[in-house]
Amino acid sequence: MKITTAIDKTFVEYTIVFLIMMLIIYFYVMFAGMISAPKFTYAEF
């Protein structure tokens, strides 16, 4: 039981860290695109 609980804890921790990193990258891409898009459009005009 101890080994299974330890594996479950580490697995949950890695999955949570992975999901958080994916969300950070996702939001960064969204906000970076939203912020940089108007600058490029205004720069063209």
PDB file of N, CA and C in Angstrom:
ATOM      1  N   MET A   1       0.837  -1.213   0.000  1.00  0.00           N
ATOM      2  CA  MET A   1       0.000   0.000   0.000  1.00  0.00           C
ATOM      3  C   MET A   1       0.873   1.265   0.000  1.00  0.00           C
ATOM      4  N   LYS A   2       1.988   1.250   0.735  1.00  0.00           N
ATOM      5  CA  LYS A   2       2.831   2.454   0.793  1.00  0.00           C
ATOM      6  C   LYS A   2       3.379   2.789  -0.589  1.00  0.00           C
ATOM      7  N   ILE A   3       3.831   1.753  -1.313  1.00  0.00           N
ATOM      8  CA  ILE A   3       4.420   2.009  -2.636  1.00  0.00           C
ATOM      9  C   ILE A   3       3.352   2.579  -3.575  1.00  0.00           C
ATOM     10  N   THR A   4       2.161   2.012  -3.557  1.00  0.00           N
ATOM     11  CA  THR A   4       1.112   2.497  -4.458  1.00  0.00           C
ATOM     12  C   THR A   4       0.738   3.937  -4.107  1.00  0.00           C
ATOM     13  N   THR A   5       0.630   4.268  -2.820  1.00  0.00           N
ATOM     14  CA  THR A   5       0.278   5.633  -2.434  1.00  0.00           C
ATOM     15  C   THR A   5       1.380   6.600  -2.867  1.00  0.00           C
ATOM     16  N   ALA A   6       2.642   6.217  -2.716  1.00  0.00           N
ATOM     17  CA  ALA A   6       3.734   7.093  -3.125  1.00  0.00           C
ATOM     18  C   ALA A   6       3.677   7.317  -4.640  1.00  0.00           C
ATOM     19  N   ILE A   7       3.466   6.256  -5.416  1.00  0.00           N
ATOM     20  CA  ILE A   7       3.380   6.398  -6.870  1.00  0.00           C
ATOM     21  C   ILE A   7       2.195   7.292  -7.233  1.00  0.00           C
ATOM     22  N   ASP A   8       1.071   7.116  -6.555  1.00  0.00           N
ATOM     23  CA  ASP A   8      -0.097   7.942  -6.859  1.00  0.00           C
ATOM     24  C   ASP A   8       0.195   9.408  -6.553  1.00  0.00           C
ATOM     25  N   LYS A   9       0.851   9.690  -5.429  1.00  0.00           N
ATOM     26  CA  LYS A   9       1.145  11.086  -5.078  1.00  0.00           C
ATOM     27  C   LYS A   9       2.066  11.712  -6.126  1.00  0.00           C
ATOM     28  N   THR A  10       3.131  11.024  -6.491  1.00  0.00           N
ATOM     29  CA  THR A  10       4.047  11.596  -7.479  1.00  0.00           C
ATOM     30  C   THR A  10       3.346  11.746  -8.828  1.00  0.00           C
ATOM     31  N   PHE A  11       2.540  10.772  -9.197  1.00  0.00           N
ATOM     32  CA  PHE A  11       1.822  10.849 -10.471  1.00  0.00           C
ATOM     33  C   PHE A  11       0.883  12.048 -10.477  1.00  0.00           C
ATOM     34  N   VAL A  12       0.150  12.252  -9.393  1.00  0.00           N
ATOM     35  CA  VAL A  12      -0.774  13.393  -9.312  1.00  0.00           C
ATOM     36  C   VAL A  12       0.009  14.697  -9.363  1.00  0.00           C
ATOM     37  N   GLU A  13       1.134  14.757  -8.661  1.00  0.00           N
ATOM     38  CA  GLU A  13       1.926  15.990  -8.664  1.00  0.00           C
ATOM     39  C   GLU A  13       2.429  16.307 -10.070  1.00  0.00           C
ATOM     40  N   TYR A  14       2.961  15.294 -10.768  1.00  0.00           N
ATOM     41  CA  TYR A  14       3.467  15.546 -12.121  1.00  0.00           C
ATOM     42  C   TYR A  14       2.341  15.952 -13.065  1.00  0.00           C
ATOM     43  N   THR A  15       1.182  15.307 -12.930  1.00  0.00           N
ATOM     44  CA  THR A  15       0.067  15.656 -13.810  1.00  0.00           C
ATOM     45  C   THR A  15      -0.391  17.090 -13.546  1.00  0.00           C
ATOM     46  N   ILE A  16      -0.441  17.491 -12.275  1.00  0.00           N
ATOM     47  CA  ILE A  16      -0.871  18.858 -11.945  1.00  0.00           C
ATOM     48  C   ILE A  16       0.138  19.857 -12.498  1.00  0.00           C
ATOM     49  N   VAL A  17       1.428  19.588 -12.319  1.00  0.00           N
ATOM     50  CA  VAL A  17       2.452  20.504 -12.839  1.00  0.00           C
ATOM     51  C   VAL A  17       2.357  20.589 -14.359  1.00  0.00           C
ATOM     52  N   PHE A  18       2.148  19.444 -15.006  1.00  0.00           N
ATOM     53  CA  PHE A  18       2.047  19.436 -16.471  1.00  0.00           C
ATOM     54  C   PHE A  18       0.845  20.258 -16.930  1.00  0.00           C
ATOM     55  N   LEU A  19      -0.302  20.079 -16.269  1.00  0.00           N
ATOM     56  CA  LEU A  19      -1.498  20.828 -16.653  1.00  0.00           C
ATOM     57  C   LEU A  19      -1.295  22.319 -16.419  1.00  0.00           C
ATOM     58  N   ILE A  20      -0.649  22.684 -15.313  1.00  0.00           N
ATOM     59  CA  ILE A  20      -0.426  24.104 -15.029  1.00  0.00           C
ATOM     60  C   ILE A  20       0.480  24.712 -16.100  1.00  0.00           C
ATOM     61  N   MET A  21       1.540  23.990 -16.481  1.00  0.00           N
ATOM     62  CA  MET A  21       2.432  24.517 -17.519  1.00  0.00           C
ATOM     63  C   MET A  21       1.691  24.667 -18.843  1.00  0.00           C
ATOM     64  N   MET A  22       0.852  23.691 -19.184  1.00  0.00           N
ATOM     65  CA  MET A  22       0.094  23.783 -20.432  1.00  0.00           C
ATOM     66  C   MET A  22      -0.855  24.977 -20.392  1.00  0.00           C
ATOM     67  N   LEU A  23      -1.507  25.205 -19.244  1.00  0.00           N
ATOM     68  CA  LEU A  23      -2.418  26.343 -19.136  1.00  0.00           C
ATOM     69  C   LEU A  23      -1.646  27.652 -19.236  1.00  0.00           C
ATOM     70  N   ILE A  24      -0.465  27.721 -18.610  1.00  0.00           N
ATOM     71  CA  ILE A  24       0.327  28.953 -18.689  1.00  0.00           C
ATOM     72  C   ILE A  24       0.710  29.226 -20.135  1.00  0.00           C
ATOM     73  N   ILE A  25       1.157  28.195 -20.849  1.00  0.00           N
ATOM     74  CA  ILE A  25       1.531  28.388 -22.256  1.00  0.00           C
ATOM     75  C   ILE A  25       0.302  28.799 -23.068  1.00  0.00           C
ATOM     76  N   TYR A  26      -0.852  28.166 -22.786  1.00  0.00           N
ATOM     77  CA  TYR A  26      -2.075  28.475 -23.536  1.00  0.00           C
ATOM     78  C   TYR A  26      -2.482  29.926 -23.328  1.00  0.00           C
ATOM     79  N   PHE A  27      -2.517  30.362 -22.056  1.00  0.00           N
ATOM     80  CA  PHE A  27      -2.921  31.748 -21.797  1.00  0.00           C
ATOM     81  C   PHE A  27      -1.878  32.725 -22.331  1.00  0.00           C
ATOM     82  N   TYR A  28      -0.589  32.353 -22.241  1.00  0.00           N
ATOM     83  CA  TYR A  28       0.444  33.242 -22.766  1.00  0.00           C
ATOM     84  C   TYR A  28       0.274  33.435 -24.268  1.00  0.00           C
ATOM     85  N   VAL A  29      -0.004  32.350 -24.983  1.00  0.00           N
ATOM     86  CA  VAL A  29      -0.209  32.457 -26.435  1.00  0.00           C
ATOM     87  C   VAL A  29      -1.443  33.310 -26.726  1.00  0.00           C
ATOM     88  N   MET A  30      -2.516  33.108 -25.964  1.00  0.00           N
ATOM     89  CA  MET A  30      -3.741  33.888 -26.193  1.00  0.00           C
ATOM     90  C   MET A  30      -3.477  35.376 -25.963  1.00  0.00           C
ATOM     91  N   PHE A  31      -2.925  35.728 -24.780  1.00  0.00           N
ATOM     92  CA  PHE A  31      -2.728  37.145 -24.462  1.00  0.00           C
ATOM     93  C   PHE A  31      -1.657  37.759 -25.355  1.00  0.00           C
ATOM     94  N   ALA A  32      -0.603  37.010 -25.666  1.00  0.00           N
ATOM     95  CA  ALA A  32       0.439  37.547 -26.539  1.00  0.00           C
ATOM     96  C   ALA A  32      -0.154  37.834 -27.917  1.00  0.00           C
ATOM     97  N   GLY A  33      -0.996  36.945 -28.428  1.00  0.00           N
ATOM     98  CA  GLY A  33      -1.614  37.179 -29.723  1.00  0.00           C
ATOM     99  C   GLY A  33      -2.565  38.368 -29.674  1.00  0.00           C
ATOM    100  N   MET A  34      -3.331  38.490 -28.602  1.00  0.00           N
ATOM    101  CA  MET A  34      -4.266  39.613 -28.481  1.00  0.00           C
ATOM    102  C   MET A  34      -3.512  40.925 -28.373  1.00  0.00           C
ATOM    103  N   ILE A  35      -2.399  40.946 -27.640  1.00  0.00           N
ATOM    104  CA  ILE A  35      -1.674  42.201 -27.435  1.00  0.00           C
ATOM    105  C   ILE A  35      -0.859  42.559 -28.679  1.00  0.00           C
ATOM    106  N   SER A  36      -0.248  41.567 -29.321  1.00  0.00           N
ATOM    107  CA  SER A  36       0.620  41.864 -30.452  1.00  0.00           C
ATOM    108  C   SER A  36      -0.185  42.095 -31.734  1.00  0.00           C
ATOM    109  N   ALA A  37      -1.385  41.542 -31.852  1.00  0.00           N
ATOM    110  CA  ALA A  37      -2.163  41.691 -33.085  1.00  0.00           C
ATOM    111  C   ALA A  37      -2.486  43.165 -33.362  1.00  0.00           C
ATOM    112  N   PRO A  38      -3.032  43.931 -32.410  1.00  0.00           N
ATOM    113  CA  PRO A  38      -3.342  45.343 -32.710  1.00  0.00           C
ATOM    114  C   PRO A  38      -2.093  46.132 -33.077  1.00  0.00           C
ATOM    115  N   LYS A  39      -0.950  45.846 -32.419  1.00  0.00           N
ATOM    116  CA  LYS A  39       0.270  46.598 -32.737  1.00  0.00           C
ATOM    117  C   LYS A  39       0.657  46.375 -34.190  1.00  0.00           C
ATOM    118  N   PHE A  40       0.605  45.134 -34.664  1.00  0.00           N
ATOM    119  CA  PHE A  40       0.978  44.864 -36.051  1.00  0.00           C
ATOM    120  C   PHE A  40      -0.015  45.539 -36.993  1.00  0.00           C
ATOM    121  N   THR A  41      -1.304  45.493 -36.676  1.00  0.00           N
ATOM    122  CA  THR A  41      -2.300  46.097 -37.568  1.00  0.00           C
ATOM    123  C   THR A  41      -2.093  47.615 -37.597  1.00  0.00           C
ATOM    124  N   TYR A  42      -1.847  48.235 -36.413  1.00  0.00           N
ATOM    125  CA  TYR A  42      -1.645  49.663 -36.408  1.00  0.00           C
ATOM    126  C   TYR A  42      -0.337  50.030 -37.105  1.00  0.00           C
ATOM    127  N   ALA A  43       0.694  49.194 -36.943  1.00  0.00           N
ATOM    128  CA  ALA A  43       1.972  49.478 -37.588  1.00  0.00           C
ATOM    129  C   ALA A  43       1.812  49.441 -39.111  1.00  0.00           C
ATOM    130  N   GLU A  44       0.989  48.514 -39.618  1.00  0.00           N
ATOM    131  CA  GLU A  44       0.790  48.447 -41.069  1.00  0.00           C
ATOM    132  C   GLU A  44       0.127  49.722 -41.570  1.00  0.00           C
ATOM    133  N   PHE A  45      -0.871  50.222 -40.835  1.00  0.00           N
ATOM    134  CA  PHE A  45      -1.540  51.452 -41.261  1.00  0.00           C
ATOM    135  C   PHE A  45      -0.798  52.682 -40.740  1.00  0.00           C
TER     136      PHE A  45
END
